[in-house]
Structures are given as structure tokens and as C-alpha cells.
C-alpha atoms as a PDB file:
ATOM      1  CA  MET A   1     -78.647 107.802 -36.493  1.00  0.00           C
ATOM      2  CA  THR A   2     -78.990 106.398 -32.868  1.00  0.00           C
ATOM      3  CA  THR A   3     -79.885 107.923 -29.667  1.00  0.00           C
ATOM      4  CA  ALA A   4     -78.912 106.490 -26.397  1.00  0.00           C
ATOM      5  CA  GLU A   5     -81.086 106.931 -23.079  1.00  0.00           C
ATOM      6  CA  THR A   6     -79.133 109.619 -21.025  1.00  0.00           C
ATOM      7  CA  SER A   7     -81.815 110.079 -18.316  1.00  0.00           C
ATOM      8  CA  GLN A   8     -80.420 108.522 -14.874  1.00  0.00           C
ATOM      9  CA  GLN A   9     -82.134 105.775 -13.322  1.00  0.00           C
ATOM     10  CA  GLN A  10     -84.558 106.351 -10.796  1.00  0.00           C
ATOM     11  CA  GLN A  11     -83.007 105.462  -7.444  1.00  0.00           C
ATOM     12  CA  GLN A  12     -85.274 103.179  -5.897  1.00  0.00           C
ATOM     13  CA  SER A  13     -86.604 104.561  -2.512  1.00  0.00           C
ATOM     14  CA  LYS A  14     -85.890 103.006   1.102  1.00  0.00           C
ATOM     15  CA  GLU A  15     -88.503 100.929   2.816  1.00  0.00           C
ATOM     16  CA  ASP A  16     -89.967 102.488   6.072  1.00  0.00           C
ATOM     17  CA  TRP A  17     -87.495  99.822   7.912  1.00  0.00           C
ATOM     18  CA  GLU A  18     -84.438 100.584   6.233  1.00  0.00           C
ATOM     19  CA  ILE A  19     -85.274 104.427   6.993  1.00  0.00           C
ATOM     20  CA  GLU A  20     -85.978 103.452  10.517  1.00  0.00           C
ATOM     21  CA  PHE A  21     -82.740 101.174  10.700  1.00  0.00           C
ATOM     22  CA  ASP A  22     -80.072 103.693   9.155  1.00  0.00           C
ATOM     23  CA  ARG A  23     -81.609 106.619  11.895  1.00  0.00           C
ATOM     24  CA  LEU A  24     -81.234 104.027  14.892  1.00  0.00           C
ATOM     25  CA  GLU A  25     -77.882 102.041  13.675  1.00  0.00           C
ATOM     26  CA  HIS A  26     -75.818 103.523  16.508  1.00  0.00           C
ATOM     27  CA  HIS A  27     -78.155 102.295  19.272  1.00  0.00           C
ATOM     28  CA  ILE A  28     -78.126  98.998  17.384  1.00  0.00           C
ATOM     29  CA  LYS A  29     -74.092  99.139  17.078  1.00  0.00           C
ATOM     30  CA  ARG A  30     -74.100  99.633  20.608  1.00  0.00           C
ATOM     31  CA  ALA A  31     -76.159  96.909  21.876  1.00  0.00           C
ATOM     32  CA  LEU A  32     -74.482  94.340  19.738  1.00  0.00           C
ATOM     33  CA  GLN A  33     -71.233  95.271  21.511  1.00  0.00           C
ATOM     34  CA  HIS A  34     -72.768  92.986  24.337  1.00  0.00           C
ATOM     35  CA  GLN A  35     -72.925  89.688  22.246  1.00  0.00           C
ATOM     36  CA  ASP A  36     -71.105  87.838  19.932  1.00  0.00           C
ATOM     37  CA  MET A  37     -74.101  86.016  17.839  1.00  0.00           C
ATOM     38  CA  TYR A  38     -75.424  88.818  15.639  1.00  0.00           C
ATOM     39  CA  ASN A  39     -73.279  91.840  13.915  1.00  0.00           C
ATOM     40  CA  LEU A  40     -74.831  94.759  12.044  1.00  0.00           C
ATOM     41  CA  THR A  41     -74.976  93.156   8.603  1.00  0.00           C
ATOM     42  CA  ASP A  42     -77.035  89.779  10.058  1.00  0.00           C
ATOM     43  CA  ILE A  43     -79.535  91.931  11.854  1.00  0.00           C
ATOM     44  CA  LYS A  44     -80.187  94.025   8.532  1.00  0.00           C
ATOM     45  CA  GLU A  45     -80.141  91.299   6.508  1.00  0.00           C
ATOM     46  CA  ASN A  46     -82.892  89.370   8.972  1.00  0.00           C
ATOM     47  CA  ILE A  47     -85.137  92.444   9.131  1.00  0.00           C
ATOM     48  CA  ARG A  48     -85.151  92.461   5.128  1.00  0.00           C
ATOM     49  CA  GLN A  49     -86.099  88.698   5.144  1.00  0.00           C
ATOM     50  CA  ALA A  50     -88.976  89.252   8.123  1.00  0.00           C
ATOM     51  CA  ARG A  51     -87.523  87.174  10.651  1.00  0.00           C
ATOM     52  CA  LEU A  52     -86.609  90.241  12.847  1.00  0.00           C
ATOM     53  CA  HIS A  53     -88.925  93.228  13.610  1.00  0.00           C
ATOM     54  CA  ILE A  54     -87.584  96.805  14.094  1.00  0.00           C
ATOM     55  CA  TRP A  55     -89.062  99.054  16.885  1.00  0.00           C
ATOM     56  CA  GLY A  56     -88.139 102.784  16.353  1.00  0.00           C
ATOM     57  CA  GLY A  57     -88.714 105.138  19.216  1.00  0.00           C
ATOM     58  CA  LYS A  58     -87.827 108.939  18.936  1.00  0.00           C
ATOM     59  CA  ASN A  59     -84.013 107.990  20.626  1.00  0.00           C
ATOM     60  CA  SER A  60     -84.768 104.388  21.154  1.00  0.00           C
ATOM     61  CA  VAL A  61     -84.854 101.154  19.199  1.00  0.00           C
ATOM     62  CA  MET A  62     -85.723  97.340  20.032  1.00  0.00           C
ATOM     63  CA  ILE A  63     -85.426  93.987  17.853  1.00  0.00           C
ATOM     64  CA  THR A  64     -87.607  91.467  18.282  1.00  0.00           C
ATOM     65  CA  TYR A  65     -88.363  87.771  16.673  1.00  0.00           C
ATOM     66  CA  PHE A  66     -90.617  85.263  17.249  1.00  0.00           C
ATOM     67  CA  THR A  67     -89.862  81.782  18.421  1.00  0.00           C
ATOM     68  CA  GLU A  68     -91.702  78.560  18.375  1.00  0.00           C
ATOM     69  CA  TYR A  69     -91.796  76.006  20.673  1.00  0.00           C
ATOM     70  CA  PRO A  70     -94.107  72.784  20.503  1.00  0.00           C
ATOM     71  CA  ARG A  71     -96.410  74.081  23.661  1.00  0.00           C
ATOM     72  CA  TYR A  72     -96.473  77.763  22.841  1.00  0.00           C
ATOM     73  CA  LYS A  73     -95.009  80.470  20.886  1.00  0.00           C
ATOM     74  CA  VAL A  74     -92.697  83.413  22.410  1.00  0.00           C
ATOM     75  CA  LEU A  75     -91.582  86.929  21.307  1.00  0.00           C
ATOM     76  CA  ASN A  76     -87.922  87.482  21.988  1.00  0.00           C
ATOM     77  CA  ILE A  77     -86.527  91.172  22.403  1.00  0.00           C
ATOM     78  CA  LEU A  78     -82.949  90.809  21.074  1.00  0.00           C
ATOM     79  CA  ILE A  79     -82.040  94.239  21.452  1.00  0.00           C
ATOM     80  CA  GLY A  80     -83.674  96.961  23.779  1.00  0.00           C
ATOM     81  CA  ALA A  81     -81.230 100.089  23.153  1.00  0.00           C
ATOM     82  CA  GLY A  82     -81.513 104.196  23.429  1.00  0.00           C
ATOM     83  CA  ASP A  83     -83.610 106.073  26.048  1.00  0.00           C
ATOM     84  CA  PHE A  84     -84.815 103.794  28.699  1.00  0.00           C
ATOM     85  CA  LYS A  85     -87.963 105.816  29.268  1.00  0.00           C
ATOM     86  CA  GLU A  86     -88.933 105.869  25.295  1.00  0.00           C
ATOM     87  CA  LEU A  87     -88.260 101.938  25.849  1.00  0.00           C
ATOM     88  CA  GLU A  88     -90.626 101.757  28.726  1.00  0.00           C
ATOM     89  CA  LYS A  89     -93.561 103.160  26.840  1.00  0.00           C
ATOM     90  CA  MET A  90     -92.772 100.748  23.421  1.00  0.00           C
ATOM     91  CA  PHE A  91     -93.653  98.026  25.396  1.00  0.00           C
ATOM     92  CA  SER A  92     -97.010  97.849  25.702  1.00  0.00           C
ATOM     93  CA  SER A  93     -97.181  98.415  21.699  1.00  0.00           C
ATOM     94  CA  VAL A  94     -94.469  95.371  21.503  1.00  0.00           C
ATOM     95  CA  GLU A  95     -96.908  93.172  24.048  1.00  0.00           C
ATOM     96  CA  LYS A  96    -100.058  93.617  21.995  1.00  0.00           C
ATOM     97  CA  PHE A  97     -98.048  92.687  18.900  1.00  0.00           C
ATOM     98  CA  ALA A  98     -97.169  89.330  20.715  1.00  0.00           C
ATOM     99  CA  LYS A  99    -100.443  88.439  21.783  1.00  0.00           C
ATOM    100  CA  GLN A 100    -101.769  89.149  18.139  1.00  0.00           C
ATOM    101  CA  PHE A 101     -99.621  86.983  17.223  1.00  0.00           C
ATOM    102  CA  GLY A 102    -100.562  84.482  19.362  1.00  0.00           C
ATOM    103  CA  CYS A 103     -97.342  84.317  21.905  1.00  0.00           C
ATOM    104  CA  LYS A 104     -97.845  83.309  25.493  1.00  0.00           C
ATOM    105  CA  LYS A 105     -94.880  84.791  26.698  1.00  0.00           C
ATOM    106  CA  ILE A 106     -91.806  87.467  26.084  1.00  0.00           C
ATOM    107  CA  PHE A 107     -88.455  86.929  26.733  1.00  0.00           C
ATOM    108  CA  LEU A 108     -85.565  89.139  27.173  1.00  0.00           C
ATOM    109  CA  GLY A 109     -82.174  88.278  27.967  1.00  0.00           C
ATOM    110  CA  GLY A 110     -79.374  90.925  29.035  1.00  0.00           C
ATOM    111  CA  ARG A 111     -77.245  91.930  31.349  1.00  0.00           C
ATOM    112  CA  LYS A 112     -78.481  91.609  35.130  1.00  0.00           C
ATOM    113  CA  GLY A 113     -79.061  95.145  35.720  1.00  0.00           C
ATOM    114  CA  TRP A 114     -82.196  95.015  32.962  1.00  0.00           C
ATOM    115  CA  LEU A 115     -84.088  93.016  35.671  1.00  0.00           C
ATOM    116  CA  ARG A 116     -84.052  96.133  37.929  1.00  0.00           C
ATOM    117  CA  LYS A 117     -85.598  98.302  35.183  1.00  0.00           C
ATOM    118  CA  ILE A 118     -88.371  95.865  34.121  1.00  0.00           C
ATOM    119  CA  LYS A 119     -89.454  93.913  37.013  1.00  0.00           C
ATOM    120  CA  HIS A 120     -92.612  96.395  37.210  1.00  0.00           C
ATOM    121  CA  LEU A 121     -93.408  95.191  34.024  1.00  0.00           C
ATOM    122  CA  GLY A 122     -93.877  91.895  35.123  1.00  0.00           C
ATOM    123  CA  PHE A 123     -90.825  90.579  34.124  1.00  0.00           C
ATOM    124  CA  GLU A 124     -89.416  87.627  36.292  1.00  0.00           C
ATOM    125  CA  LYS A 125     -86.036  86.116  36.460  1.00  0.00           C
ATOM    126  CA  LEU A 126     -85.379  83.490  34.254  1.00  0.00           C
ATOM    127  CA  HIS A 127     -81.710  81.315  34.501  1.00  0.00           C
ATOM    128  CA  PHE A 128     -79.807  80.611  31.061  1.00  0.00           C
ATOM    129  CA  ILE A 129     -76.734  78.958  31.289  1.00  0.00           C
ATOM    130  CA  GLU A 130     -74.273  78.133  28.482  1.00  0.00           C
ATOM    131  CA  LYS A 131     -71.257  76.695  27.625  1.00  0.00           C
ATOM    132  CA  GLU A 132     -69.042  77.581  24.832  1.00  0.00           C
ATOM    133  CA  ILE A 133     -67.819  74.607  22.836  1.00  0.00           C
END
């Protein structure tokens, strides 16, 4: 007589970042509508591979990543979406994180209105010019 295993396989639990991603996905999707370099799958996979960092608030999210240049390292804020006041409060933690990892600057790309909202946090206008080829 043979017996077959009938117990259900244990479901793998989600990692903390996946729970945050799922909870804040609607904010990420909305932010991605304003660019064409990443889609939702790209963001999720890059977070899984630790190339992007997710910062979850109660009703907001930031996605960041590091870039190393020959003379210094920067933290780039790829996405900042949701409740602006909450994002503003989260910024001090992001800045500490950047300093802890040796960053000299923080870059944030976005629509023109962002500068008006974050100038008081020390951000300055930097011109970035592009040409699609």
C-alpha cells in the first residue's frame, strides 16, 4: 500500500517590501504614468534585486536608488507619490540613509512643480536636457 502526501504545501510568506509594494502599488502606478523608463514590473523586480529601495508611508511612497559617479555617490529619488506632507516628513529618513551610505547629493527628477514644493528642503534647480533618438 502506498500513501500520497495530501497536506497542503506551506505558502511562502511575503517579504516586508512586497507587503509595502502591494499596499502602495496604486501610488506607484500613478507616478509611472508620467515617464516611460520603467513599468510596474521593472520597479518590483528591481526592488526584489535590491537595486531600488521602497519607502512606505501611511499614504505615500518613495522609490530610490544609488548612482556612483567618479567623484561621488548620489541617491536618486525615482518616485515620490501620495500625500505630499507625509513625503516631506519621510525625507529626513531618506537623507540620513543617503548620508549613511556615503552619498554627497540627492537627485530628484520630476515635473516642474516639484521645485516649488521642496525648495525649502534645500533642493535647487538643475537643468537636465534630453533628446529622444
